[in-house]
Amino acid sequence: MFEASLQGLAQVFVWPNAGFMLLGATIGMVVGFIPGLGGNFMLAMMIPFVFGMDPYAAFALLLGGHAVVHTGGAISALLFNTPGTGPNAATCFDGYPLVKQGQTGRAMGIAMAASAFGGVFGALLMVFIIPIVRPIIMAFGPPEFFMMVMVGVAALAFLGGNSVAKGLAVGALGLLMSMVGQDPSTGVVRYGFGSLYLWDGINQVLVVIGIFAVSEMLELSQQGGSIADTHGAAKVSGGVLTGIKDVFRHWWLNLRCSAIGGIIGVVPGLGGEAASFLAYGHAVQTSKTPEKFGSGMIEGLIAPESAHNSKEGGALIPTVVFGVPGSSGMAILLGAFLILGLAPGPKLLSEHLPLVFNMAWTVAIANVFGAALGLVLANQMARLTYLRSSIIVPLILMFAVLGAYGTHNSMGDILVVFVFGIVGYYLKKYRYPKAPLIMGLVLGRMAEVNLNMAWDLYGISFMTRPITLVLFVILITTIVYPIIKRMRASRKGGNVHADAV
């Protein structure tokens, strides 16, 4: 197996494989930067071009592009509060406030370095976990999925900063919005209000574009000026280096969040949004200053960036080993296997093992290249944050409209984007956090689907499954520990005040 791994690594650097990987990564960065397109769009457009190609070259092109889409999406999330892909929504929470403080270079350095770290971690996870992956995947079912999601939902209470009530209120609104559309068990339409458009529920991408991009542009057009508070030439080289150092200073958080993303990628059906938001929630819950998240916290940027890139390496594992797509992007990638005459599963592992390892190494190296490309362009990209609002606002709104319409080619999608743009504007005006709304919307549907399946399969006894019990203990701990910590801090503050008197 070690020899097959080395053969796969060597094939990455063979021409034209290396050229196709670099081409794919460049395309992936551009597609990720444009809001609303995403990795699925890119894979669907690129798959027809792999007809007749050598499998190594074909997967170099496809995986090279898909691996860095979220890295490109982080750039637009940081600079304009407009996430290029769904998982990049969590990047906006602390990344954009950091940019508004004039620390564009530092934010870019953090995002690129954390993305590269996460991508390499996910690829290495694939390399080492293939021999033991079957029992791990088979151990997870709907009960475990449900409890994992509930751990993320528990973070909603701590995303309101100093106001837990505001965080819970906005999170409850997100959970309520996740119930719009057809019931996953019965097919009954809920909160449809007689509109056929709402039968499929509220699209998460549209809400993200509206609540971040449009609302921020509304505020910027009202205030005038530029995005970044610090004026002058956008020389950010030193800031980029500081950001890279920040990632290594928080190496333990980076490693934990990369592991979260990798594990979620291995489990089919959860997706990049779950990886980003669960990692962000973990960062909040384990922080000594959770009330500062949303104001430009370094940890709040590291967590989602490392998680969603490591998820891609993890998602390749069930796709290659069982032919079960680990994500929607991997489902599209299965089409490439058919085009190239390959069948995922045990036969692929026995007959084409070097190719399997080559996929993992391609993901790792493409992530490093994508991050390096982002850092090289950091100076030029940072200048955009100093453009006056009369130039930048129409440009971002145009991207928002194009991204919204491209989702389903429906005018209703554009209406949803602007409705949530207004919602996001007033949430910020009255100091309600936006993060719980998106987390509630993303995680609510997952929780409902998996709870229904777990109950139908096991009844109440689903709570007695070993992994479910472990996750339940983690859930209780994440809720109780911050409360105890706050009570101790409050008691200590009261004693200090009494001594002073």
Protein backbone atom coordinates (compact mmCIF):
# COMPACT_ATOMS: atom_id res chain seq x y z
CA MET A 1 0.00 0.00 0.00
CA PHE A 2 2.91 2.35 0.73
CA GLU A 3 4.26 1.70 -2.76
CA ALA A 4 0.86 2.47 -4.31
CA SER A 5 0.75 5.72 -2.34
CA LEU A 6 4.15 6.76 -3.72
CA GLN A 7 3.07 5.85 -7.27
CA GLY A 8 -0.02 8.00 -6.88
CA LEU A 9 2.06 10.91 -5.59
CA ALA A 10 4.50 10.63 -8.49
CA GLN A 11 1.65 10.77 -11.01
CA VAL A 12 0.60 14.18 -9.68
CA PHE A 13 3.81 15.73 -11.03
CA VAL A 14 3.85 13.91 -14.38
CA TRP A 15 3.04 16.11 -17.37
CA PRO A 16 0.27 16.80 -18.44
CA ASN A 17 -1.31 15.75 -15.12
CA ALA A 18 0.36 18.63 -13.26
CA GLY A 19 -0.79 21.12 -15.89
CA PHE A 20 -4.39 19.92 -15.71
CA MET A 21 -4.32 20.17 -11.91
CA LEU A 22 -3.06 23.76 -12.02
CA LEU A 23 -5.63 24.65 -14.69
CA GLY A 24 -8.43 23.09 -12.64
CA ALA A 25 -7.33 24.85 -9.47
CA THR A 26 -7.25 28.21 -11.24
CA ILE A 27 -10.75 27.67 -12.64
CA GLY A 28 -11.93 26.52 -9.20
CA MET A 29 -10.65 29.70 -7.55
CA VAL A 30 -12.46 31.88 -10.10
CA VAL A 31 -15.73 29.93 -9.89
CA GLY A 32 -15.59 29.94 -6.09
CA PHE A 33 -15.07 33.71 -6.05
CA ILE A 34 -18.30 34.31 -8.02
CA PRO A 35 -21.26 34.01 -5.59
CA GLY A 36 -23.92 31.44 -6.39
CA LEU A 37 -21.97 29.19 -8.79
CA GLY A 38 -20.11 26.77 -6.52
CA GLY A 39 -18.30 23.49 -7.01
CA ASN A 40 -21.28 21.55 -8.35
CA PHE A 41 -21.68 24.00 -11.23
CA MET A 42 -17.98 23.76 -12.03
CA LEU A 43 -17.92 19.95 -12.01
CA ALA A 44 -21.03 19.75 -14.18
CA MET A 45 -19.42 22.08 -16.73
CA MET A 46 -16.03 20.32 -16.73
CA ILE A 47 -17.07 16.64 -16.82
CA PRO A 48 -17.88 16.62 -20.59
CA PHE A 49 -14.25 17.61 -21.26
CA VAL A 50 -12.81 14.43 -19.72
CA PHE A 51 -14.10 12.14 -22.48
CA GLY A 52 -11.16 10.12 -23.79
CA MET A 53 -8.72 11.49 -21.21
CA ASP A 54 -6.33 9.41 -19.14
CA PRO A 55 -7.91 8.84 -15.68
CA TYR A 56 -4.97 10.50 -13.90
CA ALA A 57 -5.26 13.63 -16.06
CA ALA A 58 -9.05 13.68 -15.81
CA PHE A 59 -9.14 13.55 -12.01
CA ALA A 60 -6.30 16.06 -11.81
CA LEU A 61 -8.51 18.53 -13.69
CA LEU A 62 -11.74 17.77 -11.80
CA LEU A 63 -10.39 17.37 -8.27
CA GLY A 64 -7.89 20.20 -8.72
CA GLY A 65 -10.80 22.53 -9.37
CA HIS A 66 -13.24 21.11 -6.84
CA ALA A 67 -10.68 21.11 -4.00
CA VAL A 68 -10.21 24.90 -4.03
CA VAL A 69 -13.72 26.19 -4.76
CA HIS A 70 -14.30 27.06 -1.11
CA THR A 71 -10.90 28.74 -0.95
CA GLY A 72 -11.98 31.06 -3.75
CA GLY A 73 -15.33 31.57 -2.07
CA ALA A 74 -13.56 32.76 1.07
CA ILE A 75 -12.10 35.72 -0.82
CA SER A 76 -15.48 37.19 -1.77
CA ALA A 77 -16.78 36.38 1.73
CA LEU A 78 -13.95 38.35 3.30
CA LEU A 79 -13.87 41.31 0.95
CA PHE A 80 -17.59 41.89 0.33
CA ASN A 81 -19.44 39.82 2.96
CA THR A 82 -20.69 37.77 0.00
CA PRO A 83 -19.90 34.05 0.41
CA GLY A 84 -18.88 32.49 -2.88
CA THR A 85 -20.28 29.10 -1.79
CA GLY A 86 -22.68 27.97 0.93
CA PRO A 87 -19.99 26.72 3.35
CA ASN A 88 -18.27 30.12 3.15
CA ALA A 89 -21.21 31.73 4.96
CA ALA A 90 -19.57 30.98 8.30
CA THR A 91 -16.45 32.79 7.06
CA CYS A 92 -18.44 36.02 6.94
CA PHE A 93 -19.22 36.00 10.66
CA ASP A 94 -15.75 37.07 11.78
CA GLY A 95 -13.81 37.44 8.52
CA TYR A 96 -15.71 40.46 7.19
CA PRO A 97 -15.56 42.41 10.50
CA LEU A 98 -11.79 41.85 10.44
CA VAL A 99 -11.63 43.35 6.93
CA LYS A 100 -13.74 46.33 8.01
CA GLN A 101 -11.14 47.03 10.67
CA GLY A 102 -8.57 47.48 7.90
CA GLN A 103 -6.93 44.07 8.48
CA THR A 104 -7.62 42.70 5.00
CA GLY A 105 -4.17 41.16 4.59
CA ARG A 106 -4.35 39.40 7.93
CA ALA A 107 -7.80 37.99 7.14
CA MET A 108 -6.62 36.76 3.74
CA GLY A 109 -3.55 35.14 5.29
CA ILE A 110 -5.67 33.34 7.88
CA ALA A 111 -8.23 32.13 5.35
CA MET A 112 -5.69 30.88 2.81
CA ALA A 113 -3.42 29.18 5.37
CA ALA A 114 -6.33 27.54 7.23
CA SER A 115 -7.87 26.37 3.95
CA ALA A 116 -4.58 24.82 2.86
CA PHE A 117 -4.10 23.16 6.26
CA GLY A 118 -7.62 21.74 6.21
CA GLY A 119 -7.33 20.52 2.62
CA VAL A 120 -4.06 18.72 3.29
CA PHE A 121 -5.49 17.22 6.50
CA GLY A 122 -8.54 15.88 4.63
CA ALA A 123 -6.37 14.35 1.92
CA LEU A 124 -4.05 12.70 4.43
CA LEU A 125 -7.10 11.41 6.28
CA MET A 126 -8.12 9.65 3.09
CA VAL A 127 -4.65 8.15 2.68
CA PHE A 128 -4.55 6.68 6.19
CA ILE A 129 -8.19 5.78 6.74
CA ILE A 130 -8.90 3.69 3.62
CA PRO A 131 -7.88 0.38 5.26
CA ILE A 132 -10.23 0.90 8.23
CA VAL A 133 -13.00 3.03 6.72
CA ARG A 134 -15.75 0.42 6.35
CA PRO A 135 -16.55 -0.14 10.07
CA ILE A 136 -16.41 3.64 10.70
CA ILE A 137 -18.97 4.45 8.01
CA MET A 138 -21.21 1.53 8.93
CA ALA A 139 -21.27 2.68 12.57
CA PHE A 140 -23.05 5.93 11.64
CA GLY A 141 -26.77 6.03 10.97
CA PRO A 142 -29.66 8.49 11.39
CA PRO A 143 -29.44 8.50 15.24
CA GLU A 144 -25.77 9.51 15.11
CA PHE A 145 -26.43 12.11 12.40
CA PHE A 146 -29.24 13.61 14.47
CA MET A 147 -27.14 13.86 17.62
CA MET A 148 -24.20 15.38 15.70
CA VAL A 149 -26.51 18.06 14.34
CA MET A 150 -27.94 18.72 17.81
CA VAL A 151 -24.41 19.43 19.06
CA GLY A 152 -24.29 22.16 16.42
CA VAL A 153 -27.76 23.45 17.30
CA ALA A 154 -26.65 23.77 20.92
CA ALA A 155 -24.17 26.42 19.80
CA LEU A 156 -27.04 28.74 18.83
CA ALA A 157 -27.41 29.93 22.42
CA PHE A 158 -23.81 31.12 22.49
CA LEU A 159 -23.80 33.01 19.20
CA GLY A 160 -25.70 36.00 20.54
CA GLY A 161 -22.65 37.61 22.14
CA ASN A 162 -23.64 39.23 25.40
CA SER A 163 -27.34 38.64 24.69
CA VAL A 164 -28.20 34.94 24.83
CA ALA A 165 -31.88 35.83 24.33
CA LYS A 166 -31.16 37.51 20.98
CA GLY A 167 -29.08 34.55 19.81
CA LEU A 168 -31.83 32.09 20.75
CA ALA A 169 -34.54 34.24 19.14
CA VAL A 170 -32.74 34.51 15.80
CA GLY A 171 -31.73 30.83 15.94
CA ALA A 172 -35.36 29.85 16.56
CA LEU A 173 -36.35 31.89 13.49
CA GLY A 174 -33.81 29.95 11.43
CA LEU A 175 -35.14 26.62 12.75
CA LEU A 176 -38.68 27.73 11.91
CA MET A 177 -37.62 28.69 8.38
CA SER A 178 -36.08 25.24 7.92
CA MET A 179 -39.58 23.74 8.27
CA VAL A 180 -40.98 25.63 5.28
CA GLY A 181 -41.87 23.25 2.45
CA GLN A 182 -42.85 19.62 2.28
CA ASP A 183 -42.59 17.50 5.39
CA PRO A 184 -39.76 14.98 4.75
CA SER A 185 -41.85 12.11 6.14
CA THR A 186 -45.41 12.79 5.00
CA GLY A 187 -44.99 15.19 2.07
CA VAL A 188 -47.48 17.62 3.62
CA VAL A 189 -46.68 21.24 2.71
CA ARG A 190 -46.01 23.44 5.73
CA TYR A 191 -46.02 27.23 5.72
CA GLY A 192 -46.56 27.24 1.96
CA PHE A 193 -49.12 30.09 2.07
CA GLY A 194 -50.62 28.82 -1.16
CA SER A 195 -47.40 29.42 -3.11
CA LEU A 196 -45.98 26.64 -5.25
CA TYR A 197 -42.57 28.31 -4.97
CA LEU A 198 -42.35 27.47 -1.24
CA TRP A 199 -43.04 23.75 -1.69
CA ASP A 200 -39.31 23.01 -1.89
CA GLY A 201 -38.52 25.18 1.13
CA ILE A 202 -36.29 28.23 1.41
CA ASN A 203 -32.99 27.84 -0.41
CA GLN A 204 -30.03 28.33 1.92
CA VAL A 205 -27.81 29.92 -0.73
CA LEU A 206 -30.39 32.64 -1.39
CA VAL A 207 -30.71 33.44 2.30
CA VAL A 208 -26.93 33.63 2.66
CA ILE A 209 -26.55 35.97 -0.33
CA GLY A 210 -29.37 38.19 0.91
CA ILE A 211 -28.56 38.35 4.59
CA PHE A 212 -24.87 39.03 4.05
CA ALA A 213 -24.21 40.57 0.64
CA VAL A 214 -27.36 42.60 0.02
CA SER A 215 -27.81 43.79 3.60
CA GLU A 216 -24.19 44.93 3.79
CA MET A 217 -24.46 46.79 0.50
CA LEU A 218 -27.62 48.51 1.75
CA GLU A 219 -25.74 49.72 4.80
CA LEU A 220 -22.67 50.71 2.79
CA SER A 221 -24.75 52.72 0.31
CA GLN A 222 -26.38 54.53 3.23
CA GLN A 223 -23.11 55.32 5.01
CA GLY A 224 -20.93 55.99 1.98
CA GLY A 225 -17.16 55.63 2.11
CA SER A 226 -15.49 52.25 1.54
CA ILE A 227 -15.65 48.77 3.07
CA ALA A 228 -12.38 49.01 5.00
CA ASP A 229 -12.15 51.64 7.72
CA THR A 230 -8.45 52.33 7.15
CA HIS A 231 -7.81 54.51 4.13
CA GLY A 232 -4.73 54.66 1.97
CA ALA A 233 -2.81 52.27 -0.21
CA ALA A 234 -3.82 48.67 0.33
CA LYS A 235 -0.38 47.25 1.07
CA VAL A 236 -1.14 44.06 2.91
CA SER A 237 1.98 41.88 2.61
CA GLY A 238 2.88 42.21 6.27
CA GLY A 239 -0.69 41.54 7.28
CA VAL A 240 -0.76 38.35 5.23
CA LEU A 241 2.30 37.05 7.07
CA THR A 242 0.67 37.91 10.41
CA GLY A 243 -2.42 35.94 9.36
CA ILE A 244 -0.36 32.88 8.47
CA LYS A 245 1.35 33.08 11.87
CA ASP A 246 -2.10 33.30 13.52
CA VAL A 247 -3.04 29.95 12.00
CA PHE A 248 0.07 28.28 13.42
CA ARG A 249 -0.44 29.95 16.81
CA HIS A 250 -3.91 28.36 16.93
CA TRP A 251 -2.70 25.02 15.58
CA TRP A 252 -4.73 22.97 18.09
CA LEU A 253 -8.01 24.64 17.08
CA ASN A 254 -7.03 24.24 13.42
CA LEU A 255 -6.37 20.54 13.93
CA ARG A 256 -9.63 19.96 15.82
CA CYS A 257 -11.75 21.76 13.23
CA SER A 258 -10.00 19.97 10.37
CA ALA A 259 -10.83 16.70 12.11
CA ILE A 260 -14.47 17.78 12.45
CA GLY A 261 -14.61 18.57 8.73
CA GLY A 262 -12.91 15.33 7.76
CA ILE A 263 -15.24 13.20 9.87
CA ILE A 264 -18.32 14.97 8.51
CA GLY A 265 -16.99 14.42 4.98
CA VAL A 266 -16.61 10.68 5.62
CA VAL A 267 -20.26 10.46 6.71
CA PRO A 268 -22.42 10.75 3.55
CA GLY A 269 -25.17 13.35 3.44
CA LEU A 270 -24.08 16.06 5.88
CA GLY A 271 -22.26 18.43 3.50
CA GLY A 272 -19.91 21.39 3.68
CA GLU A 273 -22.38 23.69 5.42
CA ALA A 274 -22.63 21.29 8.34
CA ALA A 275 -18.84 21.06 8.53
CA SER A 276 -18.38 24.85 8.58
CA PHE A 277 -21.12 25.62 11.07
CA LEU A 278 -20.34 22.76 13.44
CA ALA A 279 -16.67 23.79 13.47
CA TYR A 280 -17.63 27.42 14.05
CA GLY A 281 -19.92 26.40 16.90
CA HIS A 282 -17.11 24.32 18.38
CA ALA A 283 -14.79 27.32 18.25
CA VAL A 284 -17.39 29.46 20.05
CA GLN A 285 -18.08 26.88 22.74
CA THR A 286 -14.41 26.25 23.51
CA SER A 287 -13.38 29.90 23.48
CA LYS A 288 -12.58 31.83 26.65
CA THR A 289 -14.35 34.88 25.15
CA PRO A 290 -17.37 33.55 23.21
CA GLU A 291 -19.14 36.91 23.49
CA LYS A 292 -16.57 38.46 21.13
CA PHE A 293 -17.37 36.18 18.19
CA GLY A 294 -18.88 38.10 15.29
CA SER A 295 -16.61 41.09 15.85
CA GLY A 296 -13.49 39.83 14.04
CA MET A 297 -12.23 36.92 16.14
CA ILE A 298 -9.29 35.02 14.67
CA GLU A 299 -10.69 31.68 15.87
CA GLY A 300 -14.01 32.41 14.16
CA LEU A 301 -12.23 32.61 10.81
CA ILE A 302 -9.86 29.68 11.27
CA ALA A 303 -12.58 27.19 12.26
CA PRO A 304 -14.83 27.20 9.16
CA GLU A 305 -11.98 27.63 6.68
CA SER A 306 -10.12 24.57 7.91
CA ALA A 307 -13.31 22.47 8.26
CA HIS A 308 -14.93 22.89 4.84
CA ASN A 309 -11.71 22.15 2.95
CA SER A 310 -10.89 19.05 4.99
CA LYS A 311 -14.43 17.86 4.33
CA GLU A 312 -13.66 17.39 0.61
CA GLY A 313 -10.91 14.86 1.30
CA GLY A 314 -13.19 13.02 3.71
CA ALA A 315 -16.06 13.00 1.20
CA LEU A 316 -13.88 11.16 -1.32
CA ILE A 317 -13.60 8.15 1.00
CA PRO A 318 -17.19 6.76 0.81
CA THR A 319 -17.34 7.81 -2.86
CA VAL A 320 -14.31 5.75 -3.83
CA VAL A 321 -14.68 2.86 -1.38
CA PHE A 322 -18.44 2.21 -1.66
CA GLY A 323 -19.66 4.29 -4.60
CA VAL A 324 -21.78 6.25 -2.12
CA PRO A 325 -21.26 9.99 -2.69
CA GLY A 326 -20.02 11.79 0.41
CA SER A 327 -21.42 15.11 -0.83
CA SER A 328 -23.42 16.56 -3.72
CA GLY A 329 -20.18 17.36 -5.53
CA MET A 330 -19.02 13.77 -5.18
CA ALA A 331 -22.35 12.61 -6.66
CA ILE A 332 -21.53 14.58 -9.80
CA LEU A 333 -17.99 13.20 -9.74
CA LEU A 334 -19.41 9.67 -9.98
CA GLY A 335 -20.39 10.59 -13.54
CA ALA A 336 -16.70 11.01 -14.34
CA PHE A 337 -16.02 7.48 -13.09
CA LEU A 338 -18.62 6.12 -15.51
CA ILE A 339 -17.25 8.20 -18.40
CA LEU A 340 -13.75 6.86 -17.74
CA GLY A 341 -14.94 3.26 -17.44
CA LEU A 342 -14.19 2.94 -13.72
CA ALA A 343 -16.47 1.49 -11.06
CA PRO A 344 -16.04 2.80 -7.49
CA GLY A 345 -15.84 0.10 -4.85
CA PRO A 346 -13.59 -2.77 -3.77
CA LYS A 347 -12.64 -3.51 -7.39
CA LEU A 348 -11.26 0.01 -7.82
CA LEU A 349 -9.19 -0.39 -4.65
CA SER A 350 -7.74 -3.69 -5.78
CA GLU A 351 -7.08 -2.87 -9.45
CA HIS A 352 -6.43 0.91 -9.40
CA LEU A 353 -5.08 1.62 -5.91
CA PRO A 354 -2.39 4.09 -7.14
CA LEU A 355 -5.18 6.11 -8.82
CA VAL A 356 -7.10 6.26 -5.52
CA PHE A 357 -4.05 7.60 -3.70
CA ASN A 358 -3.41 9.97 -6.61
CA MET A 359 -6.84 11.54 -5.97
CA ALA A 360 -5.91 12.20 -2.34
CA TRP A 361 -2.55 13.73 -3.25
CA THR A 362 -4.19 15.86 -5.96
CA VAL A 363 -6.61 17.31 -3.40
CA ALA A 364 -3.74 18.09 -1.01
CA ILE A 365 -1.45 19.74 -3.54
CA ALA A 366 -4.28 21.63 -5.25
CA ASN A 367 -5.23 23.13 -1.87
CA VAL A 368 -1.68 24.35 -1.33
CA PHE A 369 -1.57 25.83 -4.85
CA GLY A 370 -4.96 27.51 -4.43
CA ALA A 371 -3.93 29.07 -1.14
CA ALA A 372 -0.64 30.27 -2.66
CA LEU A 373 -2.53 31.78 -5.59
CA GLY A 374 -4.86 33.58 -3.20
CA LEU A 375 -1.92 34.97 -1.25
CA VAL A 376 -0.18 36.16 -4.42
CA LEU A 377 -3.34 38.05 -5.42
CA ALA A 378 -3.96 39.36 -1.88
CA ASN A 379 -2.53 42.83 -2.53
CA GLN A 380 -4.63 43.31 -5.65
CA MET A 381 -7.77 41.89 -4.06
CA ALA A 382 -7.38 44.06 -0.96
CA ARG A 383 -7.53 47.22 -3.07
CA LEU A 384 -11.17 46.45 -3.82
CA THR A 385 -12.09 47.14 -0.19
CA TYR A 386 -10.93 50.74 -0.59
CA LEU A 387 -13.18 51.53 -3.57
CA ARG A 388 -15.90 54.02 -2.78
CA SER A 389 -19.42 52.69 -2.26
CA SER A 390 -20.82 54.18 -5.50
CA ILE A 391 -18.56 51.75 -7.42
CA ILE A 392 -18.59 48.64 -5.26
CA VAL A 393 -22.31 48.52 -4.32
CA PRO A 394 -23.70 48.16 -7.89
CA LEU A 395 -21.02 45.60 -8.70
CA ILE A 396 -21.80 43.37 -5.70
CA LEU A 397 -25.56 43.69 -6.19
CA MET A 398 -25.10 42.60 -9.80
CA PHE A 399 -23.20 39.50 -8.65
CA ALA A 400 -25.90 38.83 -6.04
CA VAL A 401 -28.68 38.99 -8.64
CA LEU A 402 -26.78 36.80 -11.12
CA GLY A 403 -25.93 34.26 -8.42
CA ALA A 404 -29.53 34.17 -7.19
CA TYR A 405 -31.04 33.78 -10.65
CA GLY A 406 -28.50 31.13 -11.59
CA THR A 407 -29.63 28.93 -8.68
CA HIS A 408 -32.93 27.86 -10.30
CA ASN A 409 -33.39 30.40 -13.11
CA SER A 410 -36.37 31.83 -11.24
CA MET A 411 -37.35 35.45 -10.61
CA GLY A 412 -38.69 34.29 -7.24
CA ASP A 413 -35.11 33.61 -6.15
CA ILE A 414 -34.18 37.25 -6.75
CA LEU A 415 -37.15 38.35 -4.64
CA VAL A 416 -36.06 36.05 -1.79
CA VAL A 417 -32.54 37.48 -1.89
CA PHE A 418 -33.74 41.06 -1.53
CA VAL A 419 -36.30 40.18 1.14
CA PHE A 420 -33.57 38.62 3.26
CA GLY A 421 -31.30 41.52 2.40
CA ILE A 422 -33.78 43.79 4.18
CA VAL A 423 -34.09 41.28 7.05
CA GLY A 424 -30.31 41.22 7.43
CA TYR A 425 -30.14 45.01 7.39
CA TYR A 426 -32.58 45.33 10.29
CA LEU A 427 -30.98 42.48 12.22
CA LYS A 428 -27.72 44.40 12.17
CA LYS A 429 -29.41 47.72 12.88
CA TYR A 430 -31.00 46.39 16.06
CA ARG A 431 -27.90 44.34 16.98
CA TYR A 432 -29.27 40.86 16.45
CA PRO A 433 -26.63 38.30 15.36
CA LYS A 434 -26.94 36.83 11.87
CA ALA A 435 -25.01 33.62 12.52
CA PRO A 436 -27.77 31.82 14.50
CA LEU A 437 -30.28 32.43 11.67
CA ILE A 438 -28.10 30.68 9.09
CA MET A 439 -27.11 27.89 11.48
CA GLY A 440 -30.74 27.27 12.40
CA LEU A 441 -31.77 27.13 8.74
CA VAL A 442 -28.93 24.79 7.74
CA LEU A 443 -29.07 22.44 10.72
CA GLY A 444 -32.83 22.42 11.31
CA ARG A 445 -33.67 20.44 8.20
CA MET A 446 -30.89 17.92 8.87
CA ALA A 447 -32.07 17.44 12.44
CA GLU A 448 -35.69 16.87 11.40
CA VAL A 449 -34.91 14.38 8.62
CA ASN A 450 -32.57 12.29 10.74
CA LEU A 451 -34.82 12.38 13.82
CA ASN A 452 -37.74 11.05 11.76
CA MET A 453 -35.60 8.27 10.29
CA ALA A 454 -34.10 7.36 13.67
CA TRP A 455 -37.54 7.19 15.30
CA ASP A 456 -38.98 5.06 12.48
CA LEU A 457 -36.06 2.63 12.66
CA TYR A 458 -35.43 2.34 16.40
CA GLY A 459 -38.08 4.24 18.34
CA ILE A 460 -36.90 5.83 21.58
CA SER A 461 -34.19 3.14 21.84
CA PHE A 462 -32.12 5.05 19.28
CA MET A 463 -30.79 6.98 22.27
CA THR A 464 -29.15 3.82 23.63
CA ARG A 465 -26.78 3.33 20.67
CA PRO A 466 -23.16 3.70 21.88
CA ILE A 467 -22.05 6.52 19.56
CA THR A 468 -25.36 8.32 20.11
CA LEU A 469 -24.81 8.19 23.87
CA VAL A 470 -21.28 9.57 23.52
CA LEU A 471 -22.56 12.41 21.34
CA PHE A 472 -25.37 13.06 23.84
CA VAL A 473 -22.81 13.43 26.64
CA ILE A 474 -20.87 15.87 24.44
CA LEU A 475 -24.11 17.77 23.79
CA ILE A 476 -24.89 18.11 27.51
CA THR A 477 -21.30 19.14 28.21
CA THR A 478 -21.34 21.86 25.54
CA ILE A 479 -24.49 23.32 27.09
CA VAL A 480 -23.60 23.01 30.78
CA TYR A 481 -19.89 23.88 30.74
CA PRO A 482 -20.23 27.46 29.39
CA ILE A 483 -23.02 28.12 31.88
CA ILE A 484 -20.86 26.95 34.80
CA LYS A 485 -17.93 28.99 33.47
CA ARG A 486 -20.08 32.13 33.31
CA MET A 487 -21.44 31.53 36.81
CA ARG A 488 -17.89 31.18 38.19
CA ALA A 489 -16.79 34.35 36.38
CA SER A 490 -19.83 36.21 37.71
CA ARG A 491 -19.20 34.98 41.25
CA LYS A 492 -15.54 35.91 41.04
CA GLY A 493 -16.46 39.36 39.74
CA GLY A 494 -18.89 39.80 42.63
CA ASN A 495 -16.23 38.82 45.16
CA VAL A 496 -13.76 41.29 43.66
CA HIS A 497 -16.36 44.02 43.84
CA ALA A 498 -17.15 43.16 47.47
CA ASP A 499 -13.44 43.25 48.40
CA ALA A 500 -13.09 46.61 46.75
CA VAL A 501 -15.97 47.98 48.79
